[in-house]
Amino acid sequence: MFPKLETKRLVLREILPSDAEDIYSIFSNEEVTKYYGLNTFKKIEQAEKLNEAFTINFQSEKGMRWGIEKKGVPGLIGTIGFNSWSKTHRRAEVGYEIYPDFWRNGYASEAVAKIVDHGFQEMELIRIGAIVFVENIGSSQLLMKQGFEKEGILRKYMYQNNEAFDVIMLSKCNRQNNGAE
């Protein structure tokens, strides 16, 4: 069963087929996709396929993606989740995006804090990584404020819009659960 999470201002919930229009609105915005590693959507069918991919990744235990809603306000303002989830190695990578109308309100920080806590406490992860475009200074700063540490640069790691980009690898490790039994 997909876990529903709540923060003071947000509900993090399963992304449903009925969310395709919201997903399209988010991912058809060039400001959102600029640092996402995904070409900007041109058709609603792309959002429908992405929704299906989120479901398949969860069912196959390879990833988990929540829709972000403001409490009491229907409709997604973004998504957040874990990619490259490995239960065997107890690690995953966090990724997120918020529609620009909701930037600089602390929603991404609130959502990141919640799923990182969920990842360490409920999923028993020992490492959560993040890959951030070098140019995306705001996202790097957000993650470092959450206790993530820079590990290095992955050169030409993301390819988007016919261009290769360097990214920063960051991580946060669960110091309370190092895997020792």
N, C-alpha and C. Protein backbone atom coordinates (compact mmCIF):
# COMPACT_ATOMS: atom_id res chain seq x y z
N MET A 1 0.84 -1.19 0.00
CA MET A 1 0.00 0.00 0.00
C MET A 1 0.88 1.24 0.00
N PHE A 2 0.51 2.21 -0.81
CA PHE A 2 1.30 3.42 -0.95
C PHE A 2 1.12 4.30 0.30
N PRO A 3 2.23 4.73 0.93
CA PRO A 3 2.11 5.53 2.15
C PRO A 3 1.71 6.98 1.88
N LYS A 4 0.72 7.44 2.62
CA LYS A 4 0.32 8.84 2.57
C LYS A 4 1.03 9.55 3.73
N LEU A 5 1.69 10.66 3.43
CA LEU A 5 2.43 11.40 4.44
C LEU A 5 1.87 12.81 4.57
N GLU A 6 1.97 13.39 5.75
CA GLU A 6 1.50 14.75 5.95
C GLU A 6 2.54 15.55 6.70
N THR A 7 2.60 16.84 6.37
CA THR A 7 3.42 17.80 7.10
C THR A 7 2.45 18.86 7.62
N LYS A 8 2.99 19.90 8.18
CA LYS A 8 2.15 20.97 8.71
C LYS A 8 1.25 21.56 7.62
N ARG A 9 1.80 21.73 6.40
CA ARG A 9 1.05 22.39 5.33
C ARG A 9 0.75 21.52 4.12
N LEU A 10 1.32 20.33 4.07
CA LEU A 10 1.25 19.52 2.85
C LEU A 10 0.71 18.12 3.08
N VAL A 11 0.15 17.57 2.01
CA VAL A 11 -0.19 16.15 1.94
C VAL A 11 0.64 15.57 0.81
N LEU A 12 1.36 14.50 1.12
CA LEU A 12 2.13 13.78 0.11
C LEU A 12 1.38 12.47 -0.12
N ARG A 13 0.90 12.29 -1.35
CA ARG A 13 0.03 11.15 -1.62
C ARG A 13 0.37 10.49 -2.95
N GLU A 14 -0.18 9.31 -3.13
CA GLU A 14 0.02 8.57 -4.37
C GLU A 14 -0.46 9.39 -5.57
N ILE A 15 0.28 9.32 -6.65
CA ILE A 15 -0.11 9.98 -7.89
C ILE A 15 -1.04 9.04 -8.64
N LEU A 16 -2.20 9.55 -9.01
CA LEU A 16 -3.24 8.75 -9.65
C LEU A 16 -3.38 9.11 -11.12
N PRO A 17 -4.01 8.24 -11.93
CA PRO A 17 -4.26 8.58 -13.33
C PRO A 17 -5.02 9.91 -13.48
N SER A 18 -5.87 10.22 -12.53
CA SER A 18 -6.65 11.46 -12.59
C SER A 18 -5.78 12.71 -12.38
N ASP A 19 -4.52 12.54 -12.01
CA ASP A 19 -3.60 13.66 -11.81
C ASP A 19 -2.85 14.04 -13.08
N ALA A 20 -3.17 13.40 -14.20
CA ALA A 20 -2.42 13.63 -15.45
C ALA A 20 -2.39 15.10 -15.85
N GLU A 21 -3.50 15.81 -15.70
CA GLU A 21 -3.52 17.23 -16.09
C GLU A 21 -2.58 18.06 -15.22
N ASP A 22 -2.56 17.79 -13.92
CA ASP A 22 -1.65 18.51 -13.03
C ASP A 22 -0.20 18.17 -13.37
N ILE A 23 0.08 16.90 -13.60
CA ILE A 23 1.44 16.48 -13.96
C ILE A 23 1.86 17.16 -15.27
N TYR A 24 0.94 17.20 -16.22
CA TYR A 24 1.25 17.87 -17.50
C TYR A 24 1.53 19.35 -17.27
N SER A 25 0.73 20.00 -16.46
CA SER A 25 0.93 21.42 -16.17
C SER A 25 2.31 21.67 -15.57
N ILE A 26 2.73 20.80 -14.70
CA ILE A 26 4.04 20.94 -14.05
C ILE A 26 5.17 20.70 -15.05
N PHE A 27 5.12 19.56 -15.74
CA PHE A 27 6.23 19.14 -16.60
C PHE A 27 6.21 19.77 -17.99
N SER A 28 5.19 20.54 -18.31
CA SER A 28 5.20 21.29 -19.57
C SER A 28 5.74 22.70 -19.36
N ASN A 29 6.15 23.00 -18.14
CA ASN A 29 6.70 24.30 -17.80
C ASN A 29 8.23 24.23 -17.89
N GLU A 30 8.81 25.03 -18.77
CA GLU A 30 10.27 24.97 -18.99
C GLU A 30 11.07 25.35 -17.75
N GLU A 31 10.53 26.19 -16.89
CA GLU A 31 11.24 26.53 -15.65
C GLU A 31 11.37 25.30 -14.76
N VAL A 32 10.37 24.44 -14.77
CA VAL A 32 10.40 23.22 -13.94
C VAL A 32 11.38 22.22 -14.52
N THR A 33 11.33 22.00 -15.81
CA THR A 33 12.15 20.95 -16.42
C THR A 33 13.59 21.37 -16.69
N LYS A 34 13.88 22.63 -16.53
CA LYS A 34 15.22 23.15 -16.82
C LYS A 34 16.32 22.31 -16.16
N TYR A 35 16.11 21.91 -14.91
CA TYR A 35 17.11 21.16 -14.17
C TYR A 35 16.60 19.77 -13.77
N TYR A 36 15.70 19.24 -14.53
CA TYR A 36 15.07 17.97 -14.14
C TYR A 36 15.69 16.75 -14.80
N GLY A 37 16.31 16.93 -15.97
CA GLY A 37 16.84 15.78 -16.69
C GLY A 37 15.80 15.14 -17.58
N LEU A 38 14.79 15.92 -17.95
CA LEU A 38 13.67 15.44 -18.75
C LEU A 38 13.26 16.57 -19.68
N ASN A 39 13.05 16.24 -20.94
CA ASN A 39 12.60 17.28 -21.87
C ASN A 39 11.20 17.75 -21.49
N THR A 40 10.93 19.01 -21.74
CA THR A 40 9.64 19.61 -21.41
C THR A 40 8.53 18.90 -22.19
N PHE A 41 7.44 18.59 -21.49
CA PHE A 41 6.32 17.88 -22.12
C PHE A 41 5.62 18.76 -23.15
N LYS A 42 5.20 18.13 -24.23
CA LYS A 42 4.45 18.81 -25.28
C LYS A 42 3.03 18.26 -25.43
N LYS A 43 2.78 17.06 -24.84
CA LYS A 43 1.47 16.39 -24.98
C LYS A 43 1.06 15.79 -23.64
N ILE A 44 -0.23 15.78 -23.38
CA ILE A 44 -0.79 15.20 -22.16
C ILE A 44 -0.42 13.72 -22.03
N GLU A 45 -0.26 13.04 -23.16
CA GLU A 45 0.09 11.61 -23.13
C GLU A 45 1.43 11.38 -22.44
N GLN A 46 2.32 12.35 -22.50
CA GLN A 46 3.60 12.21 -21.80
C GLN A 46 3.38 12.18 -20.29
N ALA A 47 2.47 12.97 -19.80
CA ALA A 47 2.14 12.97 -18.38
C ALA A 47 1.50 11.65 -17.98
N GLU A 48 0.62 11.14 -18.82
CA GLU A 48 -0.03 9.86 -18.54
C GLU A 48 1.01 8.74 -18.45
N LYS A 49 1.98 8.76 -19.36
CA LYS A 49 3.05 7.74 -19.34
C LYS A 49 3.93 7.89 -18.11
N LEU A 50 4.21 9.13 -17.71
CA LEU A 50 5.01 9.35 -16.51
C LEU A 50 4.27 8.82 -15.28
N ASN A 51 2.97 9.10 -15.20
CA ASN A 51 2.17 8.57 -14.10
C ASN A 51 2.26 7.05 -14.05
N GLU A 52 2.14 6.41 -15.22
CA GLU A 52 2.25 4.94 -15.29
C GLU A 52 3.63 4.48 -14.81
N ALA A 53 4.68 5.20 -15.22
CA ALA A 53 6.04 4.85 -14.80
C ALA A 53 6.18 4.95 -13.29
N PHE A 54 5.59 6.00 -12.69
CA PHE A 54 5.64 6.12 -11.22
C PHE A 54 5.01 4.90 -10.57
N THR A 55 3.86 4.46 -11.09
CA THR A 55 3.16 3.30 -10.53
C THR A 55 3.99 2.03 -10.69
N ILE A 56 4.52 1.83 -11.88
CA ILE A 56 5.33 0.63 -12.14
C ILE A 56 6.57 0.61 -11.25
N ASN A 57 7.24 1.75 -11.10
CA ASN A 57 8.42 1.80 -10.24
C ASN A 57 8.08 1.45 -8.80
N PHE A 58 6.94 1.91 -8.32
CA PHE A 58 6.54 1.58 -6.95
C PHE A 58 6.23 0.10 -6.83
N GLN A 59 5.47 -0.44 -7.76
CA GLN A 59 5.09 -1.85 -7.71
C GLN A 59 6.30 -2.77 -7.80
N SER A 60 7.32 -2.35 -8.54
CA SER A 60 8.52 -3.17 -8.69
C SER A 60 9.60 -2.80 -7.65
N GLU A 61 9.24 -1.93 -6.72
CA GLU A 61 10.13 -1.49 -5.64
C GLU A 61 11.44 -0.91 -6.16
N LYS A 62 11.34 -0.08 -7.20
CA LYS A 62 12.50 0.62 -7.75
C LYS A 62 12.44 2.11 -7.49
N GLY A 63 11.27 2.59 -7.09
CA GLY A 63 11.10 4.00 -6.83
C GLY A 63 9.75 4.26 -6.17
N MET A 64 9.59 5.47 -5.68
CA MET A 64 8.35 5.86 -5.03
C MET A 64 8.19 7.37 -5.24
N ARG A 65 7.06 7.76 -5.82
CA ARG A 65 6.83 9.18 -6.11
C ARG A 65 5.51 9.63 -5.54
N TRP A 66 5.57 10.68 -4.72
CA TRP A 66 4.37 11.27 -4.13
C TRP A 66 3.96 12.51 -4.91
N GLY A 67 2.68 12.74 -4.98
CA GLY A 67 2.17 14.02 -5.43
C GLY A 67 2.14 14.95 -4.23
N ILE A 68 2.49 16.21 -4.43
CA ILE A 68 2.49 17.20 -3.35
C ILE A 68 1.26 18.08 -3.49
N GLU A 69 0.43 18.09 -2.46
CA GLU A 69 -0.75 18.97 -2.41
C GLU A 69 -0.66 19.85 -1.18
N LYS A 70 -1.15 21.07 -1.30
CA LYS A 70 -1.32 21.91 -0.12
C LYS A 70 -2.57 21.40 0.60
N LYS A 71 -2.50 21.32 1.92
CA LYS A 71 -3.65 20.84 2.69
C LYS A 71 -4.88 21.68 2.39
N GLY A 72 -5.98 20.99 2.12
CA GLY A 72 -7.25 21.65 1.88
C GLY A 72 -7.41 22.26 0.50
N VAL A 73 -6.39 22.08 -0.36
CA VAL A 73 -6.44 22.65 -1.72
C VAL A 73 -6.21 21.51 -2.71
N PRO A 74 -7.25 21.08 -3.42
CA PRO A 74 -7.05 19.98 -4.36
C PRO A 74 -6.13 20.37 -5.52
N GLY A 75 -5.39 19.40 -6.00
CA GLY A 75 -4.49 19.62 -7.13
C GLY A 75 -3.03 19.59 -6.70
N LEU A 76 -2.20 19.03 -7.55
CA LEU A 76 -0.78 18.89 -7.24
C LEU A 76 -0.02 20.17 -7.52
N ILE A 77 0.89 20.52 -6.62
CA ILE A 77 1.80 21.65 -6.85
C ILE A 77 3.19 21.15 -7.23
N GLY A 78 3.38 19.84 -7.17
CA GLY A 78 4.67 19.25 -7.52
C GLY A 78 4.67 17.76 -7.19
N THR A 79 5.84 17.17 -7.35
CA THR A 79 6.02 15.77 -6.94
C THR A 79 7.35 15.65 -6.23
N ILE A 80 7.48 14.58 -5.47
CA ILE A 80 8.72 14.29 -4.76
C ILE A 80 8.81 12.79 -4.59
N GLY A 81 10.01 12.29 -4.58
CA GLY A 81 10.10 10.85 -4.37
C GLY A 81 11.51 10.33 -4.39
N PHE A 82 11.56 8.99 -4.38
CA PHE A 82 12.81 8.27 -4.41
C PHE A 82 12.97 7.58 -5.76
N ASN A 83 14.12 7.77 -6.37
CA ASN A 83 14.52 7.08 -7.60
C ASN A 83 15.65 6.12 -7.23
N SER A 84 15.94 5.19 -8.12
CA SER A 84 17.07 4.27 -7.92
C SER A 84 17.03 3.64 -6.53
N TRP A 85 15.85 3.25 -6.10
CA TRP A 85 15.66 2.63 -4.80
C TRP A 85 16.21 1.21 -4.82
N SER A 86 17.10 0.91 -3.92
CA SER A 86 17.64 -0.44 -3.78
C SER A 86 17.41 -0.91 -2.35
N LYS A 87 16.46 -1.83 -2.19
CA LYS A 87 16.21 -2.39 -0.86
C LYS A 87 17.43 -3.17 -0.37
N THR A 88 18.08 -3.87 -1.30
CA THR A 88 19.25 -4.66 -0.94
C THR A 88 20.34 -3.80 -0.34
N HIS A 89 20.62 -2.66 -0.98
CA HIS A 89 21.70 -1.79 -0.52
C HIS A 89 21.21 -0.67 0.39
N ARG A 90 19.89 -0.65 0.64
CA ARG A 90 19.27 0.29 1.57
C ARG A 90 19.59 1.74 1.22
N ARG A 91 19.37 2.05 -0.07
CA ARG A 91 19.64 3.40 -0.54
C ARG A 91 18.61 3.81 -1.58
N ALA A 92 18.52 5.11 -1.80
CA ALA A 92 17.67 5.68 -2.84
C ALA A 92 18.17 7.09 -3.12
N GLU A 93 17.66 7.67 -4.21
CA GLU A 93 17.98 9.06 -4.54
C GLU A 93 16.70 9.88 -4.51
N VAL A 94 16.75 11.02 -3.86
CA VAL A 94 15.60 11.89 -3.77
C VAL A 94 15.55 12.81 -4.99
N GLY A 95 14.34 13.06 -5.47
CA GLY A 95 14.13 14.01 -6.54
C GLY A 95 12.80 14.72 -6.32
N TYR A 96 12.70 15.95 -6.78
CA TYR A 96 11.48 16.72 -6.53
C TYR A 96 11.39 17.87 -7.52
N GLU A 97 10.21 18.38 -7.67
CA GLU A 97 9.98 19.62 -8.42
C GLU A 97 8.68 20.24 -7.93
N ILE A 98 8.65 21.54 -7.97
CA ILE A 98 7.49 22.31 -7.54
C ILE A 98 7.14 23.28 -8.67
N TYR A 99 5.85 23.47 -8.92
CA TYR A 99 5.42 24.43 -9.93
C TYR A 99 5.89 25.83 -9.51
N PRO A 100 6.41 26.64 -10.44
CA PRO A 100 7.02 27.93 -10.08
C PRO A 100 6.15 28.88 -9.24
N ASP A 101 4.83 28.83 -9.39
CA ASP A 101 3.96 29.69 -8.58
C ASP A 101 4.13 29.43 -7.08
N PHE A 102 4.70 28.28 -6.72
CA PHE A 102 4.82 27.89 -5.32
C PHE A 102 6.27 27.87 -4.84
N TRP A 103 7.20 28.35 -5.66
CA TRP A 103 8.61 28.41 -5.26
C TRP A 103 8.79 29.42 -4.13
N ARG A 104 9.82 29.22 -3.37
CA ARG A 104 10.28 30.11 -2.30
C ARG A 104 9.26 30.29 -1.18
N ASN A 105 8.51 29.23 -0.95
CA ASN A 105 7.57 29.22 0.18
C ASN A 105 7.91 28.12 1.18
N GLY A 106 9.01 27.42 0.96
CA GLY A 106 9.43 26.36 1.87
C GLY A 106 8.75 25.02 1.65
N TYR A 107 7.94 24.90 0.59
CA TYR A 107 7.23 23.63 0.36
C TYR A 107 8.19 22.50 0.03
N ALA A 108 9.19 22.76 -0.81
CA ALA A 108 10.14 21.71 -1.17
C ALA A 108 10.92 21.26 0.07
N SER A 109 11.36 22.21 0.89
CA SER A 109 12.10 21.85 2.12
C SER A 109 11.25 21.00 3.04
N GLU A 110 10.00 21.38 3.19
CA GLU A 110 9.07 20.64 4.05
C GLU A 110 8.86 19.22 3.54
N ALA A 111 8.69 19.09 2.23
CA ALA A 111 8.47 17.77 1.63
C ALA A 111 9.73 16.92 1.70
N VAL A 112 10.89 17.51 1.41
CA VAL A 112 12.15 16.76 1.48
C VAL A 112 12.37 16.24 2.90
N ALA A 113 12.19 17.09 3.90
CA ALA A 113 12.39 16.67 5.29
C ALA A 113 11.49 15.48 5.62
N LYS A 114 10.25 15.53 5.16
CA LYS A 114 9.30 14.46 5.48
C LYS A 114 9.68 13.14 4.83
N ILE A 115 10.03 13.16 3.53
CA ILE A 115 10.33 11.87 2.91
C ILE A 115 11.70 11.34 3.32
N VAL A 116 12.64 12.22 3.63
CA VAL A 116 13.93 11.75 4.14
C VAL A 116 13.72 11.03 5.47
N ASP A 117 12.92 11.62 6.34
CA ASP A 117 12.58 10.97 7.61
C ASP A 117 11.88 9.63 7.34
N HIS A 118 10.93 9.61 6.43
CA HIS A 118 10.23 8.37 6.07
C HIS A 118 11.22 7.33 5.53
N GLY A 119 12.14 7.78 4.68
CA GLY A 119 13.12 6.86 4.10
C GLY A 119 14.00 6.22 5.16
N PHE A 120 14.47 7.01 6.10
CA PHE A 120 15.33 6.46 7.15
C PHE A 120 14.55 5.63 8.17
N GLN A 121 13.39 6.13 8.59
CA GLN A 121 12.64 5.48 9.66
C GLN A 121 11.80 4.28 9.19
N GLU A 122 11.06 4.47 8.11
CA GLU A 122 10.11 3.43 7.68
C GLU A 122 10.68 2.49 6.61
N MET A 123 11.49 3.02 5.71
CA MET A 123 12.04 2.20 4.64
C MET A 123 13.40 1.61 5.02
N GLU A 124 13.93 2.04 6.17
CA GLU A 124 15.20 1.58 6.70
C GLU A 124 16.38 1.83 5.76
N LEU A 125 16.32 2.96 5.04
CA LEU A 125 17.44 3.34 4.20
C LEU A 125 18.59 3.79 5.08
N ILE A 126 19.80 3.59 4.59
CA ILE A 126 20.96 4.12 5.32
C ILE A 126 21.62 5.26 4.55
N ARG A 127 21.24 5.39 3.27
CA ARG A 127 21.80 6.46 2.44
C ARG A 127 20.72 6.98 1.51
N ILE A 128 20.62 8.31 1.44
CA ILE A 128 19.76 8.97 0.47
C ILE A 128 20.63 9.94 -0.31
N GLY A 129 20.70 9.71 -1.60
CA GLY A 129 21.51 10.55 -2.46
C GLY A 129 20.64 11.57 -3.19
N ALA A 130 21.29 12.49 -3.87
CA ALA A 130 20.61 13.47 -4.70
C ALA A 130 21.57 13.89 -5.81
N ILE A 131 21.02 14.01 -7.00
CA ILE A 131 21.79 14.47 -8.15
C ILE A 131 21.19 15.80 -8.57
N VAL A 132 22.02 16.85 -8.58
CA VAL A 132 21.54 18.20 -8.84
C VAL A 132 22.41 18.85 -9.92
N PHE A 133 21.76 19.42 -10.93
CA PHE A 133 22.52 20.15 -11.95
C PHE A 133 23.39 21.20 -11.26
N VAL A 134 24.64 21.34 -11.71
CA VAL A 134 25.58 22.29 -11.12
C VAL A 134 24.96 23.69 -11.06
N GLU A 135 24.21 24.07 -12.10
CA GLU A 135 23.63 25.40 -12.18
C GLU A 135 22.46 25.61 -11.21
N ASN A 136 21.92 24.54 -10.66
CA ASN A 136 20.74 24.63 -9.79
C ASN A 136 21.17 24.89 -8.34
N ILE A 137 21.66 26.08 -8.11
CA ILE A 137 22.21 26.45 -6.80
C ILE A 137 21.15 26.38 -5.71
N GLY A 138 19.92 26.80 -6.02
CA GLY A 138 18.85 26.77 -5.02
C GLY A 138 18.59 25.38 -4.49
N SER A 139 18.56 24.39 -5.37
CA SER A 139 18.31 23.03 -4.93
C SER A 139 19.47 22.48 -4.11
N SER A 140 20.69 22.78 -4.52
CA SER A 140 21.86 22.34 -3.73
C SER A 140 21.82 22.94 -2.33
N GLN A 141 21.49 24.23 -2.24
CA GLN A 141 21.42 24.88 -0.94
C GLN A 141 20.32 24.29 -0.07
N LEU A 142 19.16 24.02 -0.69
CA LEU A 142 18.04 23.41 0.04
C LEU A 142 18.48 22.08 0.66
N LEU A 143 19.13 21.24 -0.13
CA LEU A 143 19.56 19.92 0.35
C LEU A 143 20.63 20.04 1.43
N MET A 144 21.57 20.96 1.27
CA MET A 144 22.61 21.11 2.29
C MET A 144 22.01 21.62 3.61
N LYS A 145 20.99 22.46 3.55
CA LYS A 145 20.31 22.90 4.77
C LYS A 145 19.61 21.72 5.46
N GLN A 146 19.29 20.69 4.67
CA GLN A 146 18.64 19.48 5.21
C GLN A 146 19.67 18.45 5.69
N GLY A 147 20.95 18.80 5.66
CA GLY A 147 21.99 17.91 6.15
C GLY A 147 22.67 17.06 5.08
N PHE A 148 22.36 17.31 3.80
CA PHE A 148 23.05 16.59 2.73
C PHE A 148 24.45 17.19 2.57
N GLU A 149 25.39 16.35 2.17
CA GLU A 149 26.76 16.79 1.95
C GLU A 149 27.14 16.56 0.50
N LYS A 150 27.92 17.49 -0.05
CA LYS A 150 28.42 17.33 -1.42
C LYS A 150 29.47 16.24 -1.44
N GLU A 151 29.37 15.38 -2.46
CA GLU A 151 30.35 14.32 -2.61
C GLU A 151 31.26 14.56 -3.81
N GLY A 152 30.75 15.26 -4.82
CA GLY A 152 31.57 15.52 -5.98
C GLY A 152 30.74 15.84 -7.20
N ILE A 153 31.45 15.99 -8.32
CA ILE A 153 30.82 16.33 -9.60
C ILE A 153 30.81 15.09 -10.48
N LEU A 154 29.67 14.83 -11.09
CA LEU A 154 29.56 13.78 -12.10
C LEU A 154 29.52 14.50 -13.44
N ARG A 155 30.58 14.37 -14.20
CA ARG A 155 30.73 15.13 -15.45
C ARG A 155 29.86 14.55 -16.56
N LYS A 156 29.16 15.46 -17.25
CA LYS A 156 28.32 15.11 -18.41
C LYS A 156 27.37 13.95 -18.06
N TYR A 157 26.77 14.01 -16.89
CA TYR A 157 25.96 12.91 -16.36
C TYR A 157 24.52 12.92 -16.85
N MET A 158 23.97 14.10 -17.08
CA MET A 158 22.58 14.22 -17.53
C MET A 158 22.57 14.77 -18.95
N TYR A 159 21.70 14.19 -19.76
CA TYR A 159 21.57 14.64 -21.14
C TYR A 159 20.14 15.09 -21.35
N GLN A 160 19.99 16.35 -21.71
CA GLN A 160 18.66 16.94 -21.84
C GLN A 160 18.69 18.00 -22.93
N ASN A 161 17.66 18.03 -23.74
CA ASN A 161 17.55 19.03 -24.80
C ASN A 161 18.82 19.11 -25.65
N ASN A 162 19.35 17.94 -25.99
CA ASN A 162 20.54 17.82 -26.85
C ASN A 162 21.80 18.43 -26.26
N GLU A 163 21.90 18.41 -24.94
CA GLU A 163 23.07 18.95 -24.28
C GLU A 163 23.40 18.11 -23.05
N ALA A 164 24.69 17.87 -22.81
CA ALA A 164 25.14 17.13 -21.63
C ALA A 164 25.45 18.11 -20.51
N PHE A 165 25.07 17.72 -19.29
CA PHE A 165 25.24 18.59 -18.13
C PHE A 165 26.00 17.88 -17.02
N ASP A 166 26.84 18.65 -16.32
CA ASP A 166 27.49 18.17 -15.11
C ASP A 166 26.49 18.28 -13.96
N VAL A 167 26.60 17.36 -13.00
CA VAL A 167 25.73 17.40 -11.82
C VAL A 167 26.58 17.24 -10.56
N ILE A 168 26.01 17.69 -9.46
CA ILE A 168 26.63 17.51 -8.15
C ILE A 168 25.96 16.31 -7.50
N MET A 169 26.75 15.43 -6.92
CA MET A 169 26.23 14.30 -6.15
C MET A 169 26.27 14.71 -4.68
N LEU A 170 25.13 14.62 -4.04
CA LEU A 170 25.02 14.91 -2.61
C LEU A 170 24.45 13.67 -1.92
N SER A 171 24.64 13.57 -0.63
CA SER A 171 24.02 12.47 0.10
C SER A 171 23.83 12.83 1.57
N LYS A 172 22.94 12.07 2.16
CA LYS A 172 22.72 12.15 3.60
C LYS A 172 22.64 10.71 4.08
N CYS A 173 23.36 10.41 5.13
CA CYS A 173 23.37 9.04 5.66
C CYS A 173 22.71 9.01 7.02
N ASN A 174 22.04 7.90 7.29
CA ASN A 174 21.39 7.72 8.58
C ASN A 174 22.43 7.26 9.58
N ARG A 175 22.86 8.16 10.39
CA ARG A 175 23.92 7.87 11.36
C ARG A 175 23.43 6.95 12.49
N GLN A 176 22.11 6.88 12.68
CA GLN A 176 21.55 6.05 13.76
C GLN A 176 21.39 4.60 13.33
N ASN A 177 21.46 4.34 12.02
CA ASN A 177 21.25 2.98 11.54
C ASN A 177 22.30 2.68 10.48
N ASN A 178 23.45 2.24 10.91
CA ASN A 178 24.54 2.00 9.96
C ASN A 178 24.51 0.60 9.38
N GLY A 179 23.48 -0.15 9.70
CA GLY A 179 23.35 -1.48 9.14
C GLY A 179 24.00 -2.57 9.97
N ALA A 180 24.73 -2.20 11.02
CA ALA A 180 25.35 -3.20 11.87
C ALA A 180 24.30 -3.92 12.70
N GLU A 181 24.37 -5.19 12.72
CA GLU A 181 23.38 -6.00 13.47
C GLU A 181 24.04 -6.57 14.70
